[in-house]
mmCIF file of all heavy atoms, coordinates in Angstrom:
data_MODEL
# 
_entry.id   MODEL 
# 
loop_
_atom_site.group_PDB 
_atom_site.id 
_atom_site.type_symbol 
_atom_site.label_atom_id 
_atom_site.label_alt_id 
_atom_site.label_comp_id 
_atom_site.label_asym_id 
_atom_site.label_entity_id 
_atom_site.label_seq_id 
_atom_site.pdbx_PDB_ins_code 
_atom_site.Cartn_x 
_atom_site.Cartn_y 
_atom_site.Cartn_z 
_atom_site.occupancy 
_atom_site.B_iso_or_equiv 
_atom_site.pdbx_formal_charge 
_atom_site.auth_seq_id 
_atom_site.auth_comp_id 
_atom_site.auth_asym_id 
_atom_site.auth_atom_id 
_atom_site.pdbx_PDB_model_num 
ATOM 1   N N   . ASP A 1 1  ? 54.932 51.176 53.172 1.00 0.00 ? 1  ASP A N   1 
ATOM 2   C CA  . ASP A 1 1  ? 53.870 50.481 54.018 1.00 0.00 ? 1  ASP A CA  1 
ATOM 3   C C   . ASP A 1 1  ? 53.086 49.665 53.074 1.00 0.00 ? 1  ASP A C   1 
ATOM 4   O O   . ASP A 1 1  ? 52.173 50.245 52.421 1.00 0.00 ? 1  ASP A O   1 
ATOM 5   C CB  . ASP A 1 1  ? 53.112 51.449 54.817 1.00 0.00 ? 1  ASP A CB  1 
ATOM 6   C CG  . ASP A 1 1  ? 52.037 50.758 55.595 1.00 0.00 ? 1  ASP A CG  1 
ATOM 7   O OD1 . ASP A 1 1  ? 52.052 49.590 55.846 1.00 0.00 ? 1  ASP A OD1 1 
ATOM 8   O OD2 . ASP A 1 1  ? 51.068 51.454 56.069 1.00 0.00 ? 1  ASP A OD2 1 
ATOM 9   N N   . VAL A 1 2  ? 53.342 48.425 52.927 1.00 0.00 ? 2  VAL A N   1 
ATOM 10  C CA  . VAL A 1 2  ? 52.557 47.514 52.052 1.00 0.00 ? 2  VAL A CA  1 
ATOM 11  C C   . VAL A 1 2  ? 51.455 46.682 52.882 1.00 0.00 ? 2  VAL A C   1 
ATOM 12  O O   . VAL A 1 2  ? 51.778 45.960 53.697 1.00 0.00 ? 2  VAL A O   1 
ATOM 13  C CB  . VAL A 1 2  ? 53.478 46.507 51.273 1.00 0.00 ? 2  VAL A CB  1 
ATOM 14  C CG1 . VAL A 1 2  ? 52.591 45.621 50.480 1.00 0.00 ? 2  VAL A CG1 1 
ATOM 15  C CG2 . VAL A 1 2  ? 54.490 47.252 50.464 1.00 0.00 ? 2  VAL A CG2 1 
ATOM 16  N N   . ILE A 1 3  ? 50.182 47.056 52.506 1.00 0.00 ? 3  ILE A N   1 
ATOM 17  C CA  . ILE A 1 3  ? 49.033 46.451 53.101 1.00 0.00 ? 3  ILE A CA  1 
ATOM 18  C C   . ILE A 1 3  ? 48.583 45.333 52.145 1.00 0.00 ? 3  ILE A C   1 
ATOM 19  O O   . ILE A 1 3  ? 48.066 45.536 50.958 1.00 0.00 ? 3  ILE A O   1 
ATOM 20  C CB  . ILE A 1 3  ? 47.871 47.434 53.324 1.00 0.00 ? 3  ILE A CB  1 
ATOM 21  C CG1 . ILE A 1 3  ? 48.372 48.434 54.281 1.00 0.00 ? 3  ILE A CG1 1 
ATOM 22  C CG2 . ILE A 1 3  ? 46.751 46.663 53.939 1.00 0.00 ? 3  ILE A CG2 1 
ATOM 23  C CD1 . ILE A 1 3  ? 47.359 49.576 54.559 1.00 0.00 ? 3  ILE A CD1 1 
ATOM 24  N N   . LYS A 1 4  ? 48.938 44.120 52.537 1.00 0.00 ? 4  LYS A N   1 
ATOM 25  C CA  . LYS A 1 4  ? 48.600 42.914 51.703 1.00 0.00 ? 4  LYS A CA  1 
ATOM 26  C C   . LYS A 1 4  ? 47.135 42.406 51.972 1.00 0.00 ? 4  LYS A C   1 
ATOM 27  O O   . LYS A 1 4  ? 46.889 42.019 53.109 1.00 0.00 ? 4  LYS A O   1 
ATOM 28  C CB  . LYS A 1 4  ? 49.586 41.809 51.903 1.00 0.00 ? 4  LYS A CB  1 
ATOM 29  C CG  . LYS A 1 4  ? 49.392 40.553 51.064 1.00 0.00 ? 4  LYS A CG  1 
ATOM 30  C CD  . LYS A 1 4  ? 50.525 39.512 51.315 1.00 0.00 ? 4  LYS A CD  1 
ATOM 31  C CE  . LYS A 1 4  ? 50.268 38.328 50.466 1.00 0.00 ? 4  LYS A CE  1 
ATOM 32  N NZ  . LYS A 1 4  ? 50.609 38.512 49.081 1.00 0.00 ? 4  LYS A NZ  1 
ATOM 33  N N   . ILE A 1 5  ? 46.278 42.547 50.884 1.00 0.00 ? 5  ILE A N   1 
ATOM 34  C CA  . ILE A 1 5  ? 44.907 42.184 51.032 1.00 0.00 ? 5  ILE A CA  1 
ATOM 35  C C   . ILE A 1 5  ? 44.814 40.719 50.607 1.00 0.00 ? 5  ILE A C   1 
ATOM 36  O O   . ILE A 1 5  ? 45.230 40.364 49.514 1.00 0.00 ? 5  ILE A O   1 
ATOM 37  C CB  . ILE A 1 5  ? 43.918 43.046 50.113 1.00 0.00 ? 5  ILE A CB  1 
ATOM 38  C CG1 . ILE A 1 5  ? 44.164 44.530 50.471 1.00 0.00 ? 5  ILE A CG1 1 
ATOM 39  C CG2 . ILE A 1 5  ? 42.551 42.579 50.367 1.00 0.00 ? 5  ILE A CG2 1 
ATOM 40  C CD1 . ILE A 1 5  ? 43.743 44.919 51.864 1.00 0.00 ? 5  ILE A CD1 1 
ATOM 41  N N   . GLU A 1 6  ? 44.390 39.855 51.614 1.00 0.00 ? 6  GLU A N   1 
ATOM 42  C CA  . GLU A 1 6  ? 44.342 38.397 51.276 1.00 0.00 ? 6  GLU A CA  1 
ATOM 43  C C   . GLU A 1 6  ? 42.883 37.905 51.485 1.00 0.00 ? 6  GLU A C   1 
ATOM 44  O O   . GLU A 1 6  ? 42.173 38.481 52.379 1.00 0.00 ? 6  GLU A O   1 
ATOM 45  C CB  . GLU A 1 6  ? 45.218 37.552 52.089 1.00 0.00 ? 6  GLU A CB  1 
ATOM 46  C CG  . GLU A 1 6  ? 46.683 37.895 52.014 1.00 0.00 ? 6  GLU A CG  1 
ATOM 47  C CD  . GLU A 1 6  ? 47.631 37.116 52.757 1.00 0.00 ? 6  GLU A CD  1 
ATOM 48  O OE1 . GLU A 1 6  ? 47.748 35.877 52.370 1.00 0.00 ? 6  GLU A OE1 1 
ATOM 49  O OE2 . GLU A 1 6  ? 48.116 37.574 53.824 1.00 0.00 ? 6  GLU A OE2 1 
ATOM 50  N N   . ASN A 1 7  ? 42.383 36.814 50.742 1.00 0.00 ? 7  ASN A N   1 
ATOM 51  C CA  . ASN A 1 7  ? 41.101 36.418 51.031 1.00 0.00 ? 7  ASN A CA  1 
ATOM 52  C C   . ASN A 1 7  ? 40.998 35.578 52.268 1.00 0.00 ? 7  ASN A C   1 
ATOM 53  O O   . ASN A 1 7  ? 41.975 35.200 52.861 1.00 0.00 ? 7  ASN A O   1 
ATOM 54  C CB  . ASN A 1 7  ? 40.659 35.397 49.761 1.00 0.00 ? 7  ASN A CB  1 
ATOM 55  C CG  . ASN A 1 7  ? 41.496 34.115 49.678 1.00 0.00 ? 7  ASN A CG  1 
ATOM 56  O OD1 . ASN A 1 7  ? 41.342 33.306 50.588 1.00 0.00 ? 7  ASN A OD1 1 
ATOM 57  N ND2 . ASN A 1 7  ? 42.377 34.012 48.739 1.00 0.00 ? 7  ASN A ND2 1 
ATOM 58  N N   . THR A 1 8  ? 39.827 35.554 52.805 1.00 0.00 ? 8  THR A N   1 
ATOM 59  C CA  . THR A 1 8  ? 39.643 34.969 54.207 1.00 0.00 ? 8  THR A CA  1 
ATOM 60  C C   . THR A 1 8  ? 39.636 33.462 54.170 1.00 0.00 ? 8  THR A C   1 
ATOM 61  O O   . THR A 1 8  ? 39.684 32.872 55.142 1.00 0.00 ? 8  THR A O   1 
ATOM 62  C CB  . THR A 1 8  ? 38.175 35.414 54.634 1.00 0.00 ? 8  THR A CB  1 
ATOM 63  O OG1 . THR A 1 8  ? 37.146 35.122 53.638 1.00 0.00 ? 8  THR A OG1 1 
ATOM 64  C CG2 . THR A 1 8  ? 38.124 36.908 54.869 1.00 0.00 ? 8  THR A CG2 1 
ATOM 65  N N   . ALA A 1 9  ? 39.530 32.864 52.979 1.00 0.00 ? 9  ALA A N   1 
ATOM 66  C CA  . ALA A 1 9  ? 39.470 31.296 52.842 1.00 0.00 ? 9  ALA A CA  1 
ATOM 67  C C   . ALA A 1 9  ? 40.809 30.765 53.334 1.00 0.00 ? 9  ALA A C   1 
ATOM 68  O O   . ALA A 1 9  ? 40.983 29.991 54.181 1.00 0.00 ? 9  ALA A O   1 
ATOM 69  C CB  . ALA A 1 9  ? 39.114 30.870 51.546 1.00 0.00 ? 9  ALA A CB  1 
ATOM 70  N N   . ALA A 1 10 ? 41.807 31.206 52.474 1.00 0.00 ? 10 ALA A N   1 
ATOM 71  C CA  . ALA A 1 10 ? 43.270 30.570 52.698 1.00 0.00 ? 10 ALA A CA  1 
ATOM 72  C C   . ALA A 1 10 ? 44.364 31.604 52.437 1.00 0.00 ? 10 ALA A C   1 
ATOM 73  O O   . ALA A 1 10 ? 45.441 31.283 52.769 1.00 0.00 ? 10 ALA A O   1 
ATOM 74  C CB  . ALA A 1 10 ? 43.420 29.427 51.762 1.00 0.00 ? 10 ALA A CB  1 
ATOM 75  N N   . GLY A 1 11 ? 44.040 32.780 52.074 1.00 0.00 ? 11 GLY A N   1 
ATOM 76  C CA  . GLY A 1 11 ? 45.067 33.793 51.726 1.00 0.00 ? 11 GLY A CA  1 
ATOM 77  C C   . GLY A 1 11 ? 45.782 33.501 50.487 1.00 0.00 ? 11 GLY A C   1 
ATOM 78  O O   . GLY A 1 11 ? 45.391 32.764 49.612 1.00 0.00 ? 11 GLY A O   1 
ATOM 79  N N   . ASP A 1 12 ? 46.966 34.142 50.339 1.00 0.00 ? 12 ASP A N   1 
ATOM 80  C CA  . ASP A 1 12 ? 47.848 33.956 49.164 1.00 0.00 ? 12 ASP A CA  1 
ATOM 81  C C   . ASP A 1 12 ? 48.126 32.354 49.024 1.00 0.00 ? 12 ASP A C   1 
ATOM 82  O O   . ASP A 1 12 ? 48.379 31.591 49.985 1.00 0.00 ? 12 ASP A O   1 
ATOM 83  C CB  . ASP A 1 12 ? 49.203 34.629 49.505 1.00 0.00 ? 12 ASP A CB  1 
ATOM 84  C CG  . ASP A 1 12 ? 50.071 34.724 48.218 1.00 0.00 ? 12 ASP A CG  1 
ATOM 85  O OD1 . ASP A 1 12 ? 50.333 33.619 47.511 1.00 0.00 ? 12 ASP A OD1 1 
ATOM 86  O OD2 . ASP A 1 12 ? 50.611 35.847 48.048 1.00 0.00 ? 12 ASP A OD2 1 
ATOM 87  N N   . VAL A 1 13 ? 48.055 31.809 47.754 1.00 0.00 ? 13 VAL A N   1 
ATOM 88  C CA  . VAL A 1 13 ? 48.201 30.494 47.470 1.00 0.00 ? 13 VAL A CA  1 
ATOM 89  C C   . VAL A 1 13 ? 49.573 29.941 47.919 1.00 0.00 ? 13 VAL A C   1 
ATOM 90  O O   . VAL A 1 13 ? 49.610 28.800 48.128 1.00 0.00 ? 13 VAL A O   1 
ATOM 91  C CB  . VAL A 1 13 ? 47.922 30.135 45.958 1.00 0.00 ? 13 VAL A CB  1 
ATOM 92  C CG1 . VAL A 1 13 ? 46.468 30.475 45.573 1.00 0.00 ? 13 VAL A CG1 1 
ATOM 93  C CG2 . VAL A 1 13 ? 48.949 30.812 45.089 1.00 0.00 ? 13 VAL A CG2 1 
ATOM 94  N N   . THR A 1 14 ? 50.513 30.776 48.037 1.00 0.00 ? 14 THR A N   1 
ATOM 95  C CA  . THR A 1 14 ? 51.874 30.306 48.415 1.00 0.00 ? 14 THR A CA  1 
ATOM 96  C C   . THR A 1 14 ? 51.851 29.859 49.900 1.00 0.00 ? 14 THR A C   1 
ATOM 97  O O   . THR A 1 14 ? 52.820 29.384 50.401 1.00 0.00 ? 14 THR A O   1 
ATOM 98  C CB  . THR A 1 14 ? 53.039 31.252 48.168 1.00 0.00 ? 14 THR A CB  1 
ATOM 99  O OG1 . THR A 1 14 ? 52.735 32.456 48.765 1.00 0.00 ? 14 THR A OG1 1 
ATOM 100 C CG2 . THR A 1 14 ? 53.061 31.542 46.546 1.00 0.00 ? 14 THR A CG2 1 
ATOM 101 N N   . ARG A 1 15 ? 50.858 30.278 50.646 1.00 0.00 ? 15 ARG A N   1 
ATOM 102 C CA  . ARG A 1 15 ? 50.757 29.858 52.102 1.00 0.00 ? 15 ARG A CA  1 
ATOM 103 C C   . ARG A 1 15 ? 50.507 28.360 52.085 1.00 0.00 ? 15 ARG A C   1 
ATOM 104 O O   . ARG A 1 15 ? 50.704 27.750 53.172 1.00 0.00 ? 15 ARG A O   1 
ATOM 105 C CB  . ARG A 1 15 ? 49.691 30.470 52.774 1.00 0.00 ? 15 ARG A CB  1 
ATOM 106 C CG  . ARG A 1 15 ? 49.889 32.058 52.990 1.00 0.00 ? 15 ARG A CG  1 
ATOM 107 C CD  . ARG A 1 15 ? 48.785 32.594 53.918 1.00 0.00 ? 15 ARG A CD  1 
ATOM 108 N NE  . ARG A 1 15 ? 48.864 33.992 54.289 1.00 0.00 ? 15 ARG A NE  1 
ATOM 109 C CZ  . ARG A 1 15 ? 49.564 34.469 55.194 1.00 0.00 ? 15 ARG A CZ  1 
ATOM 110 N NH1 . ARG A 1 15 ? 50.210 33.662 56.041 1.00 0.00 ? 15 ARG A NH1 1 
ATOM 111 N NH2 . ARG A 1 15 ? 49.651 35.775 55.450 1.00 0.00 ? 15 ARG A NH2 1 
ATOM 112 N N   . GLN A 1 16 ? 50.075 27.710 51.006 1.00 0.00 ? 16 GLN A N   1 
ATOM 113 C CA  . GLN A 1 16 ? 49.702 26.268 51.111 1.00 0.00 ? 16 GLN A CA  1 
ATOM 114 C C   . GLN A 1 16 ? 50.706 25.414 50.499 1.00 0.00 ? 16 GLN A C   1 
ATOM 115 O O   . GLN A 1 16 ? 50.528 24.148 50.467 1.00 0.00 ? 16 GLN A O   1 
ATOM 116 C CB  . GLN A 1 16 ? 48.268 26.161 50.143 1.00 0.00 ? 16 GLN A CB  1 
ATOM 117 C CG  . GLN A 1 16 ? 47.319 27.218 50.590 1.00 0.00 ? 16 GLN A CG  1 
ATOM 118 C CD  . GLN A 1 16 ? 46.984 27.320 52.076 1.00 0.00 ? 16 GLN A CD  1 
ATOM 119 O OE1 . GLN A 1 16 ? 46.817 26.233 52.697 1.00 0.00 ? 16 GLN A OE1 1 
ATOM 120 N NE2 . GLN A 1 16 ? 46.859 28.528 52.520 1.00 0.00 ? 16 GLN A NE2 1 
ATOM 121 N N   . VAL A 1 17 ? 51.827 25.796 49.942 1.00 0.00 ? 17 VAL A N   1 
ATOM 122 C CA  . VAL A 1 17 ? 52.732 24.980 49.300 1.00 0.00 ? 17 VAL A CA  1 
ATOM 123 C C   . VAL A 1 17 ? 53.724 24.243 50.274 1.00 0.00 ? 17 VAL A C   1 
ATOM 124 O O   . VAL A 1 17 ? 53.596 24.513 51.504 1.00 0.00 ? 17 VAL A O   1 
ATOM 125 C CB  . VAL A 1 17 ? 53.590 25.780 48.235 1.00 0.00 ? 17 VAL A CB  1 
ATOM 126 C CG1 . VAL A 1 17 ? 52.647 26.389 47.103 1.00 0.00 ? 17 VAL A CG1 1 
ATOM 127 C CG2 . VAL A 1 17 ? 54.477 26.850 48.929 1.00 0.00 ? 17 VAL A CG2 1 
ATOM 128 N N   . SER A 1 18 ? 54.549 23.467 49.757 1.00 0.00 ? 18 SER A N   1 
ATOM 129 C CA  . SER A 1 18 ? 55.506 22.684 50.660 1.00 0.00 ? 18 SER A CA  1 
ATOM 130 C C   . SER A 1 18 ? 56.660 23.517 51.119 1.00 0.00 ? 18 SER A C   1 
ATOM 131 O O   . SER A 1 18 ? 56.825 24.699 50.846 1.00 0.00 ? 18 SER A O   1 
ATOM 132 C CB  . SER A 1 18 ? 55.946 21.423 49.899 1.00 0.00 ? 18 SER A CB  1 
ATOM 133 O OG  . SER A 1 18 ? 56.686 21.813 48.701 1.00 0.00 ? 18 SER A OG  1 
ATOM 134 N N   . THR A 1 19 ? 57.584 22.818 51.871 1.00 0.00 ? 19 THR A N   1 
ATOM 135 C CA  . THR A 1 19 ? 58.794 23.485 52.484 1.00 0.00 ? 19 THR A CA  1 
ATOM 136 C C   . THR A 1 19 ? 58.210 24.522 53.609 1.00 0.00 ? 19 THR A C   1 
ATOM 137 O O   . THR A 1 19 ? 58.175 25.687 53.296 1.00 0.00 ? 19 THR A O   1 
ATOM 138 C CB  . THR A 1 19 ? 59.665 24.203 51.452 1.00 0.00 ? 19 THR A CB  1 
ATOM 139 O OG1 . THR A 1 19 ? 60.050 23.255 50.467 1.00 0.00 ? 19 THR A OG1 1 
ATOM 140 C CG2 . THR A 1 19 ? 61.016 24.456 52.186 1.00 0.00 ? 19 THR A CG2 1 
ATOM 141 N N   . ARG A 1 20 ? 57.876 24.011 54.717 1.00 0.00 ? 20 ARG A N   1 
ATOM 142 C CA  . ARG A 1 20 ? 57.242 24.875 55.669 1.00 0.00 ? 20 ARG A CA  1 
ATOM 143 C C   . ARG A 1 20 ? 57.739 24.521 57.134 1.00 0.00 ? 20 ARG A C   1 
ATOM 144 O O   . ARG A 1 20 ? 58.319 23.401 57.325 1.00 0.00 ? 20 ARG A O   1 
ATOM 145 C CB  . ARG A 1 20 ? 55.764 24.606 55.561 1.00 0.00 ? 20 ARG A CB  1 
ATOM 146 C CG  . ARG A 1 20 ? 55.235 23.284 55.864 1.00 0.00 ? 20 ARG A CG  1 
ATOM 147 C CD  . ARG A 1 20 ? 53.656 23.245 55.947 1.00 0.00 ? 20 ARG A CD  1 
ATOM 148 N NE  . ARG A 1 20 ? 52.964 23.729 54.726 1.00 0.00 ? 20 ARG A NE  1 
ATOM 149 C CZ  . ARG A 1 20 ? 52.087 24.571 54.818 1.00 0.00 ? 20 ARG A CZ  1 
ATOM 150 N NH1 . ARG A 1 20 ? 51.669 25.141 56.006 1.00 0.00 ? 20 ARG A NH1 1 
ATOM 151 N NH2 . ARG A 1 20 ? 51.571 25.074 53.674 1.00 0.00 ? 20 ARG A NH2 1 
ATOM 152 N N   . ARG A 1 21 ? 57.581 25.479 57.990 1.00 0.00 ? 21 ARG A N   1 
ATOM 153 C CA  . ARG A 1 21 ? 57.848 25.194 59.420 1.00 0.00 ? 21 ARG A CA  1 
ATOM 154 C C   . ARG A 1 21 ? 56.909 26.156 60.191 1.00 0.00 ? 21 ARG A C   1 
ATOM 155 O O   . ARG A 1 21 ? 56.663 27.236 59.899 1.00 0.00 ? 21 ARG A O   1 
ATOM 156 C CB  . ARG A 1 21 ? 59.215 25.548 59.764 1.00 0.00 ? 21 ARG A CB  1 
ATOM 157 C CG  . ARG A 1 21 ? 59.591 25.150 61.157 1.00 0.00 ? 21 ARG A CG  1 
ATOM 158 C CD  . ARG A 1 21 ? 61.137 25.185 61.427 1.00 0.00 ? 21 ARG A CD  1 
ATOM 159 N NE  . ARG A 1 21 ? 61.611 26.654 61.298 1.00 0.00 ? 21 ARG A NE  1 
ATOM 160 C CZ  . ARG A 1 21 ? 62.924 26.817 61.440 1.00 0.00 ? 21 ARG A CZ  1 
ATOM 161 N NH1 . ARG A 1 21 ? 63.883 25.920 61.408 1.00 0.00 ? 21 ARG A NH1 1 
ATOM 162 N NH2 . ARG A 1 21 ? 63.334 28.092 61.378 1.00 0.00 ? 21 ARG A NH2 1 
ATOM 163 N N   . GLY A 1 22 ? 56.269 25.495 61.140 1.00 0.00 ? 22 GLY A N   1 
ATOM 164 C CA  . GLY A 1 22 ? 55.320 26.295 62.096 1.00 0.00 ? 22 GLY A CA  1 
ATOM 165 C C   . GLY A 1 22 ? 54.120 26.794 61.263 1.00 0.00 ? 22 GLY A C   1 
ATOM 166 O O   . GLY A 1 22 ? 53.616 27.826 61.692 1.00 0.00 ? 22 GLY A O   1 
ATOM 167 N N   . GLY A 1 23 ? 53.817 26.108 60.199 1.00 0.00 ? 23 GLY A N   1 
ATOM 168 C CA  . GLY A 1 23 ? 52.638 26.510 59.385 1.00 0.00 ? 23 GLY A CA  1 
ATOM 169 C C   . GLY A 1 23 ? 52.889 27.607 58.371 1.00 0.00 ? 23 GLY A C   1 
ATOM 170 O O   . GLY A 1 23 ? 52.037 28.047 57.737 1.00 0.00 ? 23 GLY A O   1 
ATOM 171 N N   . MET A 1 24 ? 54.228 28.121 58.278 1.00 0.00 ? 24 MET A N   1 
ATOM 172 C CA  . MET A 1 24 ? 54.695 29.135 57.353 1.00 0.00 ? 24 MET A CA  1 
ATOM 173 C C   . MET A 1 24 ? 55.476 28.534 56.238 1.00 0.00 ? 24 MET A C   1 
ATOM 174 O O   . MET A 1 24 ? 56.403 27.780 56.584 1.00 0.00 ? 24 MET A O   1 
ATOM 175 C CB  . MET A 1 24 ? 55.354 30.243 58.022 1.00 0.00 ? 24 MET A CB  1 
ATOM 176 C CG  . MET A 1 24 ? 54.488 30.967 59.098 1.00 0.00 ? 24 MET A CG  1 
ATOM 177 S SD  . MET A 1 24 ? 53.192 31.969 58.517 1.00 0.00 ? 24 MET A SD  1 
ATOM 178 C CE  . MET A 1 24 ? 54.158 33.375 57.776 1.00 0.00 ? 24 MET A CE  1 
ATOM 179 N N   . THR A 1 25 ? 55.208 28.851 55.025 1.00 0.00 ? 25 THR A N   1 
ATOM 180 C CA  . THR A 1 25 ? 56.021 28.222 53.939 1.00 0.00 ? 25 THR A CA  1 
ATOM 181 C C   . THR A 1 25 ? 57.149 29.189 53.571 1.00 0.00 ? 25 THR A C   1 
ATOM 182 O O   . THR A 1 25 ? 57.091 30.391 53.769 1.00 0.00 ? 25 THR A O   1 
ATOM 183 C CB  . THR A 1 25 ? 55.159 27.925 52.702 1.00 0.00 ? 25 THR A CB  1 
ATOM 184 O OG1 . THR A 1 25 ? 54.898 29.174 52.147 1.00 0.00 ? 25 THR A OG1 1 
ATOM 185 C CG2 . THR A 1 25 ? 53.981 27.141 52.879 1.00 0.00 ? 25 THR A CG2 1 
ATOM 186 N N   . ALA A 1 26 ? 58.271 28.543 53.078 1.00 0.00 ? 26 ALA A N   1 
ATOM 187 C CA  . ALA A 1 26 ? 59.446 29.347 52.624 1.00 0.00 ? 26 ALA A CA  1 
ATOM 188 C C   . ALA A 1 26 ? 59.040 30.253 51.582 1.00 0.00 ? 26 ALA A C   1 
ATOM 189 O O   . ALA A 1 26 ? 59.471 31.379 51.485 1.00 0.00 ? 26 ALA A O   1 
ATOM 190 C CB  . ALA A 1 26 ? 60.549 28.335 52.225 1.00 0.00 ? 26 ALA A CB  1 
ATOM 191 N N   . SER A 1 27 ? 58.185 29.790 50.564 1.00 0.00 ? 27 SER A N   1 
ATOM 192 C CA  . SER A 1 27 ? 57.827 30.653 49.446 1.00 0.00 ? 27 SER A CA  1 
ATOM 193 C C   . SER A 1 27 ? 57.101 31.990 50.005 1.00 0.00 ? 27 SER A C   1 
ATOM 194 O O   . SER A 1 27 ? 57.343 32.974 49.524 1.00 0.00 ? 27 SER A O   1 
ATOM 195 C CB  . SER A 1 27 ? 56.926 29.900 48.456 1.00 0.00 ? 27 SER A CB  1 
ATOM 196 O OG  . SER A 1 27 ? 56.615 30.669 47.383 1.00 0.00 ? 27 SER A OG  1 
ATOM 197 N N   . PHE A 1 28 ? 56.202 31.717 50.803 1.00 0.00 ? 28 PHE A N   1 
ATOM 198 C CA  . PHE A 1 28 ? 55.471 32.886 51.397 1.00 0.00 ? 28 PHE A CA  1 
ATOM 199 C C   . PHE A 1 28 ? 56.413 33.811 52.109 1.00 0.00 ? 28 PHE A C   1 
ATOM 200 O O   . PHE A 1 28 ? 56.415 34.999 51.960 1.00 0.00 ? 28 PHE A O   1 
ATOM 201 C CB  . PHE A 1 28 ? 54.247 32.534 52.140 1.00 0.00 ? 28 PHE A CB  1 
ATOM 202 C CG  . PHE A 1 28 ? 53.421 33.716 52.611 1.00 0.00 ? 28 PHE A CG  1 
ATOM 203 C CD1 . PHE A 1 28 ? 52.453 34.215 51.753 1.00 0.00 ? 28 PHE A CD1 1 
ATOM 204 C CD2 . PHE A 1 28 ? 53.688 34.344 53.897 1.00 0.00 ? 28 PHE A CD2 1 
ATOM 205 C CE1 . PHE A 1 28 ? 51.694 35.328 52.200 1.00 0.00 ? 28 PHE A CE1 1 
ATOM 206 C CE2 . PHE A 1 28 ? 52.850 35.398 54.285 1.00 0.00 ? 28 PHE A CE2 1 
ATOM 207 C CZ  . PHE A 1 28 ? 51.921 35.896 53.425 1.00 0.00 ? 28 PHE A CZ  1 
# 
């Protein structure tokens, strides 16, 4: 059970990279 703690501003930086669909990136 992995609880991923992310910052409230934008979360993991890989949420912001390219190659995405529906607001979700392939890297994340």
